[in-house]
Amino acid sequence: MMEAGQYGTIDELAAAEKINSSYVSRLLRLTLLSPDIVQTILDGRQPEGMTLPGLMEPFPVEWEMQQSHAKAKTTV
């Protein structure tokens, strides 16, 4: 909706969806996940420890670092 220009800010989008703007910000960060991680999730092949709450925590922006970060988080 933001990309299409329907909403100009995260606050506008949050208000329209009646959710907290900080939650919208955390959700939008998920668009930075590497294509490999996204495909793994879509295929249902993600490790058991890879959950939405875990993905909402800070993660590296670089895709290679995300792979390492994801493996470290799921092998605890």
Protein backbone atom coordinates (compact mmCIF):
# COMPACT_ATOMS: atom_id res chain seq x y z
CA MET A 1 0.00 0.00 0.00
CA MET A 2 2.87 2.35 0.72
CA GLU A 3 4.71 1.30 -2.42
CA ALA A 4 1.59 1.97 -4.48
CA GLY A 5 1.38 5.44 -2.96
CA GLN A 6 -1.86 4.81 -1.11
CA TYR A 7 -0.20 5.85 2.16
CA GLY A 8 2.71 8.24 2.47
CA THR A 9 3.93 7.28 5.92
CA ILE A 10 4.04 4.35 8.30
CA ASP A 11 1.81 6.32 10.67
CA GLU A 12 -0.86 6.73 7.96
CA LEU A 13 -0.75 3.03 7.15
CA ALA A 14 -0.93 2.08 10.85
CA ALA A 15 -3.89 4.38 11.43
CA ALA A 16 -5.75 2.99 8.41
CA GLU A 17 -5.15 -0.59 9.59
CA LYS A 18 -5.86 0.35 13.23
CA ILE A 19 -2.55 -1.04 14.48
CA ASN A 20 0.44 0.44 16.27
CA SER A 21 2.95 2.18 14.00
CA SER A 22 5.90 0.52 15.75
CA TYR A 23 4.40 -2.88 14.90
CA VAL A 24 4.02 -1.82 11.26
CA SER A 25 7.68 -0.75 11.25
CA ARG A 26 8.76 -4.14 12.59
CA LEU A 27 6.63 -5.93 9.99
CA LEU A 28 8.04 -3.82 7.17
CA ARG A 29 11.55 -4.94 8.17
CA LEU A 30 10.54 -8.43 7.08
CA THR A 31 10.68 -7.16 3.49
CA LEU A 32 14.47 -7.07 3.97
CA LEU A 33 14.71 -10.84 4.47
CA SER A 34 16.85 -12.63 1.92
CA PRO A 35 15.01 -14.35 -0.93
CA ASP A 36 16.41 -17.71 0.25
CA ILE A 37 14.90 -17.30 3.71
CA VAL A 38 11.57 -16.13 2.27
CA GLN A 39 11.45 -19.12 -0.10
CA THR A 40 12.31 -21.51 2.72
CA ILE A 41 9.40 -20.14 4.75
CA LEU A 42 6.98 -20.22 1.80
CA ASP A 43 7.96 -23.83 1.10
CA GLY A 44 7.38 -24.73 4.76
CA ARG A 45 11.00 -25.83 5.14
CA GLN A 46 12.03 -23.32 7.82
CA PRO A 47 13.68 -24.75 10.93
CA GLU A 48 11.37 -25.33 13.87
CA GLY A 49 12.98 -22.46 15.79
CA MET A 50 12.35 -19.92 13.02
CA THR A 51 9.18 -18.20 14.18
CA LEU A 52 7.53 -14.85 13.56
CA PRO A 53 8.48 -13.54 17.02
CA GLY A 54 12.07 -14.54 16.31
CA LEU A 55 12.01 -12.85 12.92
CA MET A 56 10.64 -9.69 14.53
CA GLU A 57 13.87 -9.36 16.53
CA PRO A 58 16.71 -7.34 15.00
CA PHE A 59 18.55 -9.12 12.20
CA PRO A 60 21.37 -8.19 9.81
CA VAL A 61 20.47 -6.43 6.57
CA GLU A 62 23.11 -8.28 4.53
CA TRP A 63 21.65 -11.50 3.13
CA GLU A 64 24.75 -13.62 3.79
CA MET A 65 24.78 -12.48 7.41
CA GLN A 66 21.07 -13.28 7.70
CA GLN A 67 21.78 -16.92 6.78
CA SER A 68 24.38 -17.17 9.57
CA HIS A 69 22.16 -15.32 12.00
CA ALA A 70 19.19 -17.59 11.23
CA LYS A 71 21.25 -20.75 11.70
CA ALA A 72 22.62 -19.51 15.01
CA LYS A 73 19.14 -18.62 16.29
CA THR A 74 17.63 -22.00 15.38
CA THR A 75 20.40 -24.24 16.68
CA VAL A 76 20.15 -23.24 20.34
